[in-house]
Amino acid sequence: MPYIDATVMAVPTVRKDAWLAHAREVEPIIMETGAIGVVDAWGDDVPEGKVTDFRRAVQAKADETIVLGWIIWPDKATRDAGWEILMRDERLNALDPPFDGKRMIFGGFQVVGED
């Protein structure tokens, strides 16, 4: 059963090109470890909620855009092994992400339905 890692982050809107370059640099490294897909999405219709919302979840500032990302793995075992490799990868460790990683939220999800 496929497994998904998902992220939500706030990226300074003026750094969109830097974020896109960062995403393009990271994607092939992730794919080397067994992922079967990587999706990055730049928010363009992310409303503020009455109780909670994406912006509050990552403490986004007025000049930041909400960004989603997810990695599709063939299964959780491949994901776990892949992340062990990624955490030691010098190429990733050398990168300077164009966002505040302390405000990024992330999690792993079992796929329970798929059309």
PDB file of N, CA and C in Angstrom:
ATOM      1  N   MET A   1       0.854  -1.179   0.000  1.00  0.00           N
ATOM      2  CA  MET A   1       0.000   0.000   0.000  1.00  0.00           C
ATOM      3  C   MET A   1       0.898   1.239   0.000  1.00  0.00           C
ATOM      4  N   PRO A   2       0.627   2.214  -0.865  1.00  0.00           N
ATOM      5  CA  PRO A   2       1.446   3.434  -0.893  1.00  0.00           C
ATOM      6  C   PRO A   2       1.442   4.165   0.446  1.00  0.00           C
ATOM      7  N   TYR A   3       2.478   4.925   0.657  1.00  0.00           N
ATOM      8  CA  TYR A   3       2.642   5.715   1.877  1.00  0.00           C
ATOM      9  C   TYR A   3       2.993   7.137   1.456  1.00  0.00           C
ATOM     10  N   ILE A   4       2.475   8.120   2.175  1.00  0.00           N
ATOM     11  CA  ILE A   4       2.658   9.528   1.818  1.00  0.00           C
ATOM     12  C   ILE A   4       3.325  10.281   2.968  1.00  0.00           C
ATOM     13  N   ASP A   5       4.335  11.068   2.653  1.00  0.00           N
ATOM     14  CA  ASP A   5       4.870  12.064   3.583  1.00  0.00           C
ATOM     15  C   ASP A   5       4.371  13.410   3.092  1.00  0.00           C
ATOM     16  N   ALA A   6       3.769  14.191   3.978  1.00  0.00           N
ATOM     17  CA  ALA A   6       3.213  15.489   3.593  1.00  0.00           C
ATOM     18  C   ALA A   6       3.848  16.604   4.410  1.00  0.00           C
ATOM     19  N   THR A   7       3.997  17.766   3.778  1.00  0.00           N
ATOM     20  CA  THR A   7       4.530  18.945   4.459  1.00  0.00           C
ATOM     21  C   THR A   7       3.669  20.153   4.135  1.00  0.00           C
ATOM     22  N   VAL A   8       3.631  21.074   5.082  1.00  0.00           N
ATOM     23  CA  VAL A   8       3.024  22.391   4.885  1.00  0.00           C
ATOM     24  C   VAL A   8       4.032  23.386   5.434  1.00  0.00           C
ATOM     25  N   MET A   9       4.292  24.447   4.665  1.00  0.00           N
ATOM     26  CA  MET A   9       5.256  25.455   5.106  1.00  0.00           C
ATOM     27  C   MET A   9       4.855  26.826   4.589  1.00  0.00           C
ATOM     28  N   ALA A  10       5.437  27.834   5.179  1.00  0.00           N
ATOM     29  CA  ALA A  10       5.258  29.218   4.727  1.00  0.00           C
ATOM     30  C   ALA A  10       6.558  29.653   4.062  1.00  0.00           C
ATOM     31  N   VAL A  11       6.453  30.142   2.830  1.00  0.00           N
ATOM     32  CA  VAL A  11       7.621  30.585   2.077  1.00  0.00           C
ATOM     33  C   VAL A  11       7.448  32.070   1.769  1.00  0.00           C
ATOM     34  N   PRO A  12       8.467  32.885   2.028  1.00  0.00           N
ATOM     35  CA  PRO A  12       8.354  34.288   1.639  1.00  0.00           C
ATOM     36  C   PRO A  12       7.974  34.385   0.154  1.00  0.00           C
ATOM     37  N   THR A  13       6.913  35.090  -0.130  1.00  0.00           N
ATOM     38  CA  THR A  13       6.401  35.170  -1.497  1.00  0.00           C
ATOM     39  C   THR A  13       7.466  35.647  -2.478  1.00  0.00           C
ATOM     40  N   VAL A  14       8.304  36.554  -2.071  1.00  0.00           N
ATOM     41  CA  VAL A  14       9.353  37.061  -2.962  1.00  0.00           C
ATOM     42  C   VAL A  14      10.431  36.011  -3.245  1.00  0.00           C
ATOM     43  N   ARG A  15      10.412  34.906  -2.512  1.00  0.00           N
ATOM     44  CA  ARG A  15      11.418  33.854  -2.695  1.00  0.00           C
ATOM     45  C   ARG A  15      10.864  32.651  -3.466  1.00  0.00           C
ATOM     46  N   LYS A  16       9.774  32.866  -4.207  1.00  0.00           N
ATOM     47  CA  LYS A  16       9.163  31.761  -4.950  1.00  0.00           C
ATOM     48  C   LYS A  16      10.170  31.096  -5.877  1.00  0.00           C
ATOM     49  N   ASP A  17      10.933  31.866  -6.637  1.00  0.00           N
ATOM     50  CA  ASP A  17      11.911  31.274  -7.561  1.00  0.00           C
ATOM     51  C   ASP A  17      12.967  30.465  -6.814  1.00  0.00           C
ATOM     52  N   ALA A  18      13.404  30.959  -5.662  1.00  0.00           N
ATOM     53  CA  ALA A  18      14.387  30.224  -4.859  1.00  0.00           C
ATOM     54  C   ALA A  18      13.785  28.929  -4.328  1.00  0.00           C
ATOM     55  N   TRP A  19      12.511  28.987  -3.931  1.00  0.00           N
ATOM     56  CA  TRP A  19      11.834  27.779  -3.448  1.00  0.00           C
ATOM     57  C   TRP A  19      11.695  26.759  -4.575  1.00  0.00           C
ATOM     58  N   LEU A  20      11.320  27.227  -5.773  1.00  0.00           N
ATOM     59  CA  LEU A  20      11.202  26.317  -6.913  1.00  0.00           C
ATOM     60  C   LEU A  20      12.546  25.658  -7.232  1.00  0.00           C
ATOM     61  N   ALA A  21      13.611  26.432  -7.203  1.00  0.00           N
ATOM     62  CA  ALA A  21      14.947  25.884  -7.456  1.00  0.00           C
ATOM     63  C   ALA A  21      15.307  24.857  -6.387  1.00  0.00           C
ATOM     64  N   HIS A  22      14.999  25.163  -5.142  1.00  0.00           N
ATOM     65  CA  HIS A  22      15.260  24.246  -4.028  1.00  0.00           C
ATOM     66  C   HIS A  22      14.490  22.931  -4.239  1.00  0.00           C
ATOM     67  N   ALA A  23      13.219  23.038  -4.579  1.00  0.00           N
ATOM     68  CA  ALA A  23      12.389  21.849  -4.794  1.00  0.00           C
ATOM     69  C   ALA A  23      12.953  20.997  -5.931  1.00  0.00           C
ATOM     70  N   ARG A  24      13.382  21.635  -7.002  1.00  0.00           N
ATOM     71  CA  ARG A  24      13.942  20.887  -8.141  1.00  0.00           C
ATOM     72  C   ARG A  24      15.258  20.210  -7.777  1.00  0.00           C
ATOM     73  N   GLU A  25      15.992  20.801  -6.852  1.00  0.00           N
ATOM     74  CA  GLU A  25      17.261  20.221  -6.416  1.00  0.00           C
ATOM     75  C   GLU A  25      17.040  19.024  -5.488  1.00  0.00           C
ATOM     76  N   VAL A  26      16.035  19.120  -4.650  1.00  0.00           N
ATOM     77  CA  VAL A  26      15.767  18.073  -3.660  1.00  0.00           C
ATOM     78  C   VAL A  26      15.078  16.854  -4.276  1.00  0.00           C
ATOM     79  N   GLU A  27      14.190  17.091  -5.232  1.00  0.00           N
ATOM     80  CA  GLU A  27      13.382  15.994  -5.781  1.00  0.00           C
ATOM     81  C   GLU A  27      14.192  14.802  -6.287  1.00  0.00           C
ATOM     82  N   PRO A  28      15.217  14.983  -7.118  1.00  0.00           N
ATOM     83  CA  PRO A  28      15.939  13.788  -7.593  1.00  0.00           C
ATOM     84  C   PRO A  28      16.660  13.035  -6.469  1.00  0.00           C
ATOM     85  N   ILE A  29      17.075  13.748  -5.437  1.00  0.00           N
ATOM     86  CA  ILE A  29      17.723  13.089  -4.298  1.00  0.00           C
ATOM     87  C   ILE A  29      16.721  12.188  -3.588  1.00  0.00           C
ATOM     88  N   ILE A  30      15.510  12.697  -3.407  1.00  0.00           N
ATOM     89  CA  ILE A  30      14.451  11.904  -2.779  1.00  0.00           C
ATOM     90  C   ILE A  30      14.121  10.690  -3.637  1.00  0.00           C
ATOM     91  N   MET A  31      14.018  10.896  -4.937  1.00  0.00           N
ATOM     92  CA  MET A  31      13.673   9.799  -5.838  1.00  0.00           C
ATOM     93  C   MET A  31      14.729   8.690  -5.814  1.00  0.00           C
ATOM     94  N   GLU A  32      15.990   9.046  -5.594  1.00  0.00           N
ATOM     95  CA  GLU A  32      17.067   8.043  -5.513  1.00  0.00           C
ATOM     96  C   GLU A  32      16.843   7.054  -4.381  1.00  0.00           C
ATOM     97  N   THR A  33      16.116   7.466  -3.352  1.00  0.00           N
ATOM     98  CA  THR A  33      15.964   6.621  -2.168  1.00  0.00           C
ATOM     99  C   THR A  33      14.739   5.721  -2.222  1.00  0.00           C
ATOM    100  N   GLY A  34      14.038   5.710  -3.352  1.00  0.00           N
ATOM    101  CA  GLY A  34      12.918   4.788  -3.500  1.00  0.00           C
ATOM    102  C   GLY A  34      11.543   5.429  -3.604  1.00  0.00           C
ATOM    103  N   ALA A  35      11.448   6.750  -3.506  1.00  0.00           N
ATOM    104  CA  ALA A  35      10.153   7.409  -3.682  1.00  0.00           C
ATOM    105  C   ALA A  35       9.670   7.193  -5.109  1.00  0.00           C
ATOM    106  N   ILE A  36       8.365   7.168  -5.285  1.00  0.00           N
ATOM    107  CA  ILE A  36       7.809   6.988  -6.627  1.00  0.00           C
ATOM    108  C   ILE A  36       7.187   8.276  -7.161  1.00  0.00           C
ATOM    109  N   GLY A  37       7.193   9.326  -6.348  1.00  0.00           N
ATOM    110  CA  GLY A  37       6.677  10.608  -6.815  1.00  0.00           C
ATOM    111  C   GLY A  37       6.890  11.692  -5.780  1.00  0.00           C
ATOM    112  N   VAL A  38       7.051  12.907  -6.265  1.00  0.00           N
ATOM    113  CA  VAL A  38       7.184  14.080  -5.404  1.00  0.00           C
ATOM    114  C   VAL A  38       6.308  15.171  -6.012  1.00  0.00           C
ATOM    115  N   VAL A  39       5.493  15.806  -5.180  1.00  0.00           N
ATOM    116  CA  VAL A  39       4.616  16.880  -5.639  1.00  0.00           C
ATOM    117  C   VAL A  39       4.869  18.105  -4.771  1.00  0.00           C
ATOM    118  N   ASP A  40       5.027  19.253  -5.424  1.00  0.00           N
ATOM    119  CA  ASP A  40       5.168  20.531  -4.729  1.00  0.00           C
ATOM    120  C   ASP A  40       4.073  21.450  -5.245  1.00  0.00           C
ATOM    121  N   ALA A  41       3.417  22.178  -4.349  1.00  0.00           N
ATOM    122  CA  ALA A  41       2.289  23.018  -4.748  1.00  0.00           C
ATOM    123  C   ALA A  41       2.362  24.379  -4.054  1.00  0.00           C
ATOM    124  N   TRP A  42       2.277  25.442  -4.855  1.00  0.00           N
ATOM    125  CA  TRP A  42       2.325  26.835  -4.387  1.00  0.00           C
ATOM    126  C   TRP A  42       0.893  27.301  -4.164  1.00  0.00           C
ATOM    127  N   GLY A  43       0.568  27.730  -2.957  1.00  0.00           N
ATOM    128  CA  GLY A  43      -0.792  28.131  -2.625  1.00  0.00           C
ATOM    129  C   GLY A  43      -1.264  29.359  -3.394  1.00  0.00           C
ATOM    130  N   ASP A  44      -2.493  29.297  -3.906  1.00  0.00           N
ATOM    131  CA  ASP A  44      -3.064  30.478  -4.545  1.00  0.00           C
ATOM    132  C   ASP A  44      -4.513  30.723  -4.136  1.00  0.00           C
ATOM    133  N   ASP A  45      -5.078  29.810  -3.325  1.00  0.00           N
ATOM    134  CA  ASP A  45      -6.433  30.000  -2.805  1.00  0.00           C
ATOM    135  C   ASP A  45      -6.491  29.330  -1.440  1.00  0.00           C
ATOM    136  N   VAL A  46      -5.841  29.961  -0.472  1.00  0.00           N
ATOM    137  CA  VAL A  46      -5.711  29.393   0.871  1.00  0.00           C
ATOM    138  C   VAL A  46      -6.405  30.353   1.846  1.00  0.00           C
ATOM    139  N   PRO A  47      -7.692  30.135   2.087  1.00  0.00           N
ATOM    140  CA  PRO A  47      -8.456  31.084   2.901  1.00  0.00           C
ATOM    141  C   PRO A  47      -8.102  31.020   4.383  1.00  0.00           C
ATOM    142  N   GLU A  48      -8.361  32.131   5.052  1.00  0.00           N
ATOM    143  CA  GLU A  48      -8.236  32.159   6.507  1.00  0.00           C
ATOM    144  C   GLU A  48      -9.511  31.576   7.092  1.00  0.00           C
ATOM    145  N   GLY A  49      -9.334  30.707   8.071  1.00  0.00           N
ATOM    146  CA  GLY A  49     -10.488  30.084   8.718  1.00  0.00           C
ATOM    147  C   GLY A  49     -10.931  30.860   9.943  1.00  0.00           C
ATOM    148  N   LYS A  50     -12.056  30.451  10.507  1.00  0.00           N
ATOM    149  CA  LYS A  50     -12.571  31.104  11.721  1.00  0.00           C
ATOM    150  C   LYS A  50     -11.928  30.520  12.974  1.00  0.00           C
ATOM    151  N   VAL A  51     -11.537  29.252  12.923  1.00  0.00           N
ATOM    152  CA  VAL A  51     -10.943  28.598  14.091  1.00  0.00           C
ATOM    153  C   VAL A  51      -9.480  28.263  13.837  1.00  0.00           C
ATOM    154  N   THR A  52      -9.206  27.655  12.698  1.00  0.00           N
ATOM    155  CA  THR A  52      -7.836  27.311  12.333  1.00  0.00           C
ATOM    156  C   THR A  52      -7.715  27.292  10.812  1.00  0.00           C
ATOM    157  N   ASP A  53      -6.506  27.292  10.329  1.00  0.00           N
ATOM    158  CA  ASP A  53      -6.265  27.264   8.890  1.00  0.00           C
ATOM    159  C   ASP A  53      -4.790  26.965   8.646  1.00  0.00           C
ATOM    160  N   PHE A  54      -4.419  26.826   7.381  1.00  0.00           N
ATOM    161  CA  PHE A  54      -3.031  26.536   7.037  1.00  0.00           C
ATOM    162  C   PHE A  54      -2.088  27.644   7.504  1.00  0.00           C
ATOM    163  N   ARG A  55      -2.509  28.906   7.356  1.00  0.00           N
ATOM    164  CA  ARG A  55      -1.643  30.030   7.720  1.00  0.00           C
ATOM    165  C   ARG A  55      -1.306  29.987   9.214  1.00  0.00           C
ATOM    166  N   ARG A  56      -2.301  29.767  10.037  1.00  0.00           N
ATOM    167  CA  ARG A  56      -2.047  29.699  11.484  1.00  0.00           C
ATOM    168  C   ARG A  56      -1.208  28.474  11.840  1.00  0.00           C
ATOM    169  N   ALA A  57      -1.428  27.389  11.132  1.00  0.00           N
ATOM    170  CA  ALA A  57      -0.709  26.147  11.439  1.00  0.00           C
ATOM    171  C   ALA A  57       0.800  26.320  11.338  1.00  0.00           C
ATOM    172  N   VAL A  58       1.243  27.181  10.414  1.00  0.00           N
ATOM    173  CA  VAL A  58       2.679  27.380  10.209  1.00  0.00           C
ATOM    174  C   VAL A  58       3.118  28.806  10.570  1.00  0.00           C
ATOM    175  N   GLN A  59       2.242  29.523  11.264  1.00  0.00           N
ATOM    176  CA  GLN A  59       2.534  30.896  11.698  1.00  0.00           C
ATOM    177  C   GLN A  59       2.998  31.767  10.521  1.00  0.00           C
ATOM    178  N   ALA A  60       2.262  31.666   9.404  1.00  0.00           N
ATOM    179  CA  ALA A  60       2.620  32.427   8.207  1.00  0.00           C
ATOM    180  C   ALA A  60       2.458  33.920   8.448  1.00  0.00           C
ATOM    181  N   LYS A  61       3.392  34.658   7.903  1.00  0.00           N
ATOM    182  CA  LYS A  61       3.345  36.117   7.961  1.00  0.00           C
ATOM    183  C   LYS A  61       2.597  36.631   6.725  1.00  0.00           C
ATOM    184  N   ALA A  62       2.217  37.888   6.745  1.00  0.00           N
ATOM    185  CA  ALA A  62       1.434  38.468   5.652  1.00  0.00           C
ATOM    186  C   ALA A  62       2.154  38.375   4.307  1.00  0.00           C
ATOM    187  N   ASP A  63       3.476  38.382   4.329  1.00  0.00           N
ATOM    188  CA  ASP A  63       4.242  38.357   3.072  1.00  0.00           C
ATOM    189  C   ASP A  63       4.715  36.954   2.683  1.00  0.00           C
ATOM    190  N   GLU A  64       4.055  35.927   3.228  1.00  0.00           N
ATOM    191  CA  GLU A  64       4.425  34.547   2.934  1.00  0.00           C
ATOM    192  C   GLU A  64       3.272  33.810   2.255  1.00  0.00           C
ATOM    193  N   THR A  65       3.639  32.816   1.462  1.00  0.00           N
ATOM    194  CA  THR A  65       2.670  31.975   0.759  1.00  0.00           C
ATOM    195  C   THR A  65       2.740  30.565   1.343  1.00  0.00           C
ATOM    196  N   ILE A  66       1.577  29.935   1.451  1.00  0.00           N
ATOM    197  CA  ILE A  66       1.512  28.561   1.946  1.00  0.00           C
ATOM    198  C   ILE A  66       1.891  27.605   0.817  1.00  0.00           C
ATOM    199  N   VAL A  67       2.746  26.656   1.148  1.00  0.00           N
ATOM    200  CA  VAL A  67       3.234  25.675   0.188  1.00  0.00           C
ATOM    201  C   VAL A  67       2.977  24.278   0.751  1.00  0.00           C
ATOM    202  N   LEU A  68       2.506  23.403  -0.114  1.00  0.00           N
ATOM    203  CA  LEU A  68       2.312  21.995   0.245  1.00  0.00           C
ATOM    204  C   LEU A  68       3.318  21.155  -0.518  1.00  0.00           C
ATOM    205  N   GLY A  69       3.703  20.071   0.092  1.00  0.00           N
ATOM    206  CA  GLY A  69       4.539  19.113  -0.603  1.00  0.00           C
ATOM    207  C   GLY A  69       4.192  17.725  -0.124  1.00  0.00           C
ATOM    208  N   TRP A  70       4.323  16.762  -1.019  1.00  0.00           N
ATOM    209  CA  TRP A  70       4.181  15.389  -0.566  1.00  0.00           C
ATOM    210  C   TRP A  70       5.054  14.474  -1.389  1.00  0.00           C
ATOM    211  N   ILE A  71       5.471  13.424  -0.712  1.00  0.00           N
ATOM    212  CA  ILE A  71       6.306  12.400  -1.321  1.00  0.00           C
ATOM    213  C   ILE A  71       5.486  11.113  -1.313  1.00  0.00           C
ATOM    214  N   ILE A  72       5.454  10.444  -2.432  1.00  0.00           N
ATOM    215  CA  ILE A  72       4.728   9.184  -2.533  1.00  0.00           C
ATOM    216  C   ILE A  72       5.758   8.055  -2.529  1.00  0.00           C
ATOM    217  N   TRP A  73       5.584   7.149  -1.601  1.00  0.00           N
ATOM    218  CA  TRP A  73       6.458   5.987  -1.462  1.00  0.00           C
ATOM    219  C   TRP A  73       5.661   4.733  -1.795  1.00  0.00           C
ATOM    220  N   PRO A  74       6.309   3.673  -2.246  1.00  0.00           N
ATOM    221  CA  PRO A  74       5.555   2.449  -2.538  1.00  0.00           C
ATOM    222  C   PRO A  74       4.978   1.800  -1.274  1.00  0.00           C
ATOM    223  N   ASP A  75       5.632   2.012  -0.129  1.00  0.00           N
ATOM    224  CA  ASP A  75       5.180   1.440   1.140  1.00  0.00           C
ATOM    225  C   ASP A  75       5.950   2.105   2.280  1.00  0.00           C
ATOM    226  N   LYS A  76       5.514   1.852   3.516  1.00  0.00           N
ATOM    227  CA  LYS A  76       6.141   2.493   4.672  1.00  0.00           C
ATOM    228  C   LYS A  76       7.575   2.007   4.894  1.00  0.00           C
ATOM    229  N   ALA A  77       7.844   0.749   4.613  1.00  0.00           N
ATOM    230  CA  ALA A  77       9.207   0.231   4.808  1.00  0.00           C
ATOM    231  C   ALA A  77      10.193   0.960   3.903  1.00  0.00           C
ATOM    232  N   THR A  78       9.810   1.205   2.656  1.00  0.00           N
ATOM    233  CA  THR A  78      10.671   1.946   1.736  1.00  0.00           C
ATOM    234  C   THR A  78      10.843   3.372   2.221  1.00  0.00           C
ATOM    235  N   ARG A  79       9.771   3.958   2.710  1.00  0.00           N
ATOM    236  CA  ARG A  79       9.838   5.320   3.248  1.00  0.00           C
ATOM    237  C   ARG A  79      10.796   5.388   4.433  1.00  0.00           C
ATOM    238  N   ASP A  80      10.667   4.478   5.370  1.00  0.00           N
ATOM    239  CA  ASP A  80      11.534   4.492   6.551  1.00  0.00           C
ATOM    240  C   ASP A  80      13.004   4.347   6.154  1.00  0.00           C
ATOM    241  N   ALA A  81      13.281   3.425   5.252  1.00  0.00           N
ATOM    242  CA  ALA A  81      14.657   3.229   4.783  1.00  0.00           C
ATOM    243  C   ALA A  81      15.134   4.462   4.015  1.00  0.00           C
ATOM    244  N   GLY A  82      14.264   5.038   3.200  1.00  0.00           N
ATOM    245  CA  GLY A  82      14.615   6.225   2.431  1.00  0.00           C
ATOM    246  C   GLY A  82      14.969   7.401   3.317  1.00  0.00           C
ATOM    247  N   TRP A  83      14.190   7.621   4.370  1.00  0.00           N
ATOM    248  CA  TRP A  83      14.488   8.742   5.273  1.00  0.00           C
ATOM    249  C   TRP A  83      15.793   8.536   6.032  1.00  0.00           C
ATOM    250  N   GLU A  84      16.124   7.305   6.369  1.00  0.00           N
ATOM    251  CA  GLU A  84      17.425   7.059   7.000  1.00  0.00           C
ATOM    252  C   GLU A  84      18.555   7.504   6.084  1.00  0.00           C
ATOM    253  N   ILE A  85      18.433   7.200   4.809  1.00  0.00           N
ATOM    254  CA  ILE A  85      19.439   7.613   3.827  1.00  0.00           C
ATOM    255  C   ILE A  85      19.443   9.131   3.671  1.00  0.00           C
ATOM    256  N   LEU A  86      18.255   9.721   3.542  1.00  0.00           N
ATOM    257  CA  LEU A  86      18.146  11.172   3.329  1.00  0.00           C
ATOM    258  C   LEU A  86      18.734  11.974   4.486  1.00  0.00           C
ATOM    259  N   MET A  87      18.544  11.523   5.696  1.00  0.00           N
ATOM    260  CA  MET A  87      19.049  12.271   6.857  1.00  0.00           C
ATOM    261  C   MET A  87      20.571  12.294   6.905  1.00  0.00           C
ATOM    262  N   ARG A  88      21.210  11.352   6.218  1.00  0.00           N
ATOM    263  CA  ARG A  88      22.675  11.312   6.179  1.00  0.00           C
ATOM    264  C   ARG A  88      23.241  11.889   4.884  1.00  0.00           C
ATOM    265  N   ASP A  89      22.381  12.269   3.945  1.00  0.00           N
ATOM    266  CA  ASP A  89      22.834  12.721   2.629  1.00  0.00           C
ATOM    267  C   ASP A  89      23.465  14.107   2.717  1.00  0.00           C
ATOM    268  N   GLU A  90      24.738  14.184   2.381  1.00  0.00           N
ATOM    269  CA  GLU A  90      25.475  15.454   2.465  1.00  0.00           C
ATOM    270  C   GLU A  90      24.906  16.528   1.543  1.00  0.00           C
ATOM    271  N   ARG A  91      24.333  16.120   0.426  1.00  0.00           N
ATOM    272  CA  ARG A  91      23.747  17.105  -0.491  1.00  0.00           C
ATOM    273  C   ARG A  91      22.587  17.834   0.164  1.00  0.00           C
ATOM    274  N   LEU A  92      21.757  17.107   0.883  1.00  0.00           N
ATOM    275  CA  LEU A  92      20.634  17.742   1.581  1.00  0.00           C
ATOM    276  C   LEU A  92      21.116  18.578   2.755  1.00  0.00           C
ATOM    277  N   ASN A  93      22.071  18.049   3.489  1.00  0.00           N
ATOM    278  CA  ASN A  93      22.583  18.768   4.655  1.00  0.00           C
ATOM    279  C   ASN A  93      23.270  20.070   4.280  1.00  0.00           C
ATOM    280  N   ALA A  94      23.755  20.175   3.051  1.00  0.00           N
ATOM    281  CA  ALA A  94      24.454  21.384   2.607  1.00  0.00           C
ATOM    282  C   ALA A  94      23.503  22.472   2.108  1.00  0.00           C
ATOM    283  N   LEU A  95      22.226  22.133   1.919  1.00  0.00           N
ATOM    284  CA  LEU A  95      21.275  23.106   1.363  1.00  0.00           C
ATOM    285  C   LEU A  95      20.840  24.139   2.401  1.00  0.00           C
ATOM    286  N   ASP A  96      20.532  25.329   1.915  1.00  0.00           N
ATOM    287  CA  ASP A  96      19.983  26.409   2.735  1.00  0.00           C
ATOM    288  C   ASP A  96      18.566  26.677   2.240  1.00  0.00           C
ATOM    289  N   PRO A  97      17.571  26.036   2.851  1.00  0.00           N
ATOM    290  CA  PRO A  97      16.207  26.170   2.356  1.00  0.00           C
ATOM    291  C   PRO A  97      15.713  27.619   2.406  1.00  0.00           C
ATOM    292  N   PRO A  98      14.897  28.019   1.423  1.00  0.00           N
ATOM    293  CA  PRO A  98      14.377  29.391   1.379  1.00  0.00           C
ATOM    294  C   PRO A  98      13.106  29.574   2.211  1.00  0.00           C
ATOM    295  N   PHE A  99      13.041  28.877   3.340  1.00  0.00           N
ATOM    296  CA  PHE A  99      11.890  28.981   4.242  1.00  0.00           C
ATOM    297  C   PHE A  99      12.359  28.630   5.647  1.00  0.00           C
ATOM    298  N   ASP A 100      11.535  28.945   6.624  1.00  0.00           N
ATOM    299  CA  ASP A 100      11.857  28.670   8.022  1.00  0.00           C
ATOM    300  C   ASP A 100      11.402  27.252   8.359  1.00  0.00           C
ATOM    301  N   GLY A 101      12.339  26.323   8.379  1.00  0.00           N
ATOM    302  CA  GLY A 101      12.027  24.926   8.634  1.00  0.00           C
ATOM    303  C   GLY A 101      11.432  24.663  10.010  1.00  0.00           C
ATOM    304  N   LYS A 102      11.650  25.565  10.959  1.00  0.00           N
ATOM    305  CA  LYS A 102      11.090  25.383  12.299  1.00  0.00           C
ATOM    306  C   LYS A 102       9.566  25.530  12.298  1.00  0.00           C
ATOM    307  N   ARG A 103       9.038  26.210  11.288  1.00  0.00           N
ATOM    308  CA  ARG A 103       7.584  26.393  11.208  1.00  0.00           C
ATOM    309  C   ARG A 103       6.929  25.431  10.227  1.00  0.00           C
ATOM    310  N   MET A 104       7.698  24.539   9.627  1.00  0.00           N
ATOM    311  CA  MET A 104       7.143  23.542   8.714  1.00  0.00           C
ATOM    312  C   MET A 104       6.468  22.445   9.533  1.00  0.00           C
ATOM    313  N   ILE A 105       5.318  22.000   9.084  1.00  0.00           N
ATOM    314  CA  ILE A 105       4.694  20.832   9.712  1.00  0.00           C
ATOM    315  C   ILE A 105       4.763  19.682   8.720  1.00  0.00           C
ATOM    316  N   PHE A 106       4.851  18.471   9.248  1.00  0.00           N
ATOM    317  CA  PHE A 106       5.025  17.306   8.391  1.00  0.00           C
ATOM    318  C   PHE A 106       4.480  16.078   9.084  1.00  0.00           C
ATOM    319  N   GLY A 107       4.220  15.060   8.306  1.00  0.00           N
ATOM    320  CA  GLY A 107       3.747  13.803   8.865  1.00  0.00           C
ATOM    321  C   GLY A 107       3.673  12.729   7.811  1.00  0.00           C
ATOM    322  N   GLY A 108       3.600  11.492   8.252  1.00  0.00           N
ATOM    323  CA  GLY A 108       3.477  10.344   7.368  1.00  0.00           C
ATOM    324  C   GLY A 108       2.065   9.792   7.447  1.00  0.00           C
ATOM    325  N   PHE A 109       1.554   9.338   6.286  1.00  0.00           N
ATOM    326  CA  PHE A 109       0.165   8.912   6.193  1.00  0.00           C
ATOM    327  C   PHE A 109       0.035   7.619   5.402  1.00  0.00           C
ATOM    328  N   GLN A 110      -0.723   6.686   5.953  1.00  0.00           N
ATOM    329  CA  GLN A 110      -1.060   5.466   5.226  1.00  0.00           C
ATOM    330  C   GLN A 110      -2.177   5.807   4.249  1.00  0.00           C
ATOM    331  N   VAL A 111      -2.043   5.381   3.018  1.00  0.00           N
ATOM    332  CA  VAL A 111      -3.116   5.558   2.045  1.00  0.00           C
ATOM    333  C   VAL A 111      -4.194   4.528   2.355  1.00  0.00           C
ATOM    334  N   VAL A 112      -5.427   4.989   2.582  1.00  0.00           N
ATOM    335  CA  VAL A 112      -6.526   4.079   2.904  1.00  0.00           C
ATOM    336  C   VAL A 112      -7.594   4.076   1.812  1.00  0.00           C
ATOM    337  N   GLY A 113      -7.483   4.976   0.871  1.00  0.00           N
ATOM    338  CA  GLY A 113      -8.423   5.025  -0.238  1.00  0.00           C
ATOM    339  C   GLY A 113      -7.741   5.670  -1.423  1.00  0.00           C
ATOM    340  N   GLU A 114      -8.025   5.174  -2.597  1.00  0.00           N
ATOM    341  CA  GLU A 114      -7.386   5.709  -3.791  1.00  0.00           C
ATOM    342  C   GLU A 114      -8.297   5.426  -4.980  1.00  0.00           C
ATOM    343  N   ASP A 115      -8.572   6.464  -5.752  1.00  0.00           N
ATOM    344  CA  ASP A 115      -9.417   6.290  -6.961  1.00  0.00           C
ATOM    345  C   ASP A 115      -8.552   6.221  -8.188  1.00  0.00           C
TER     346      ASP A 115
END
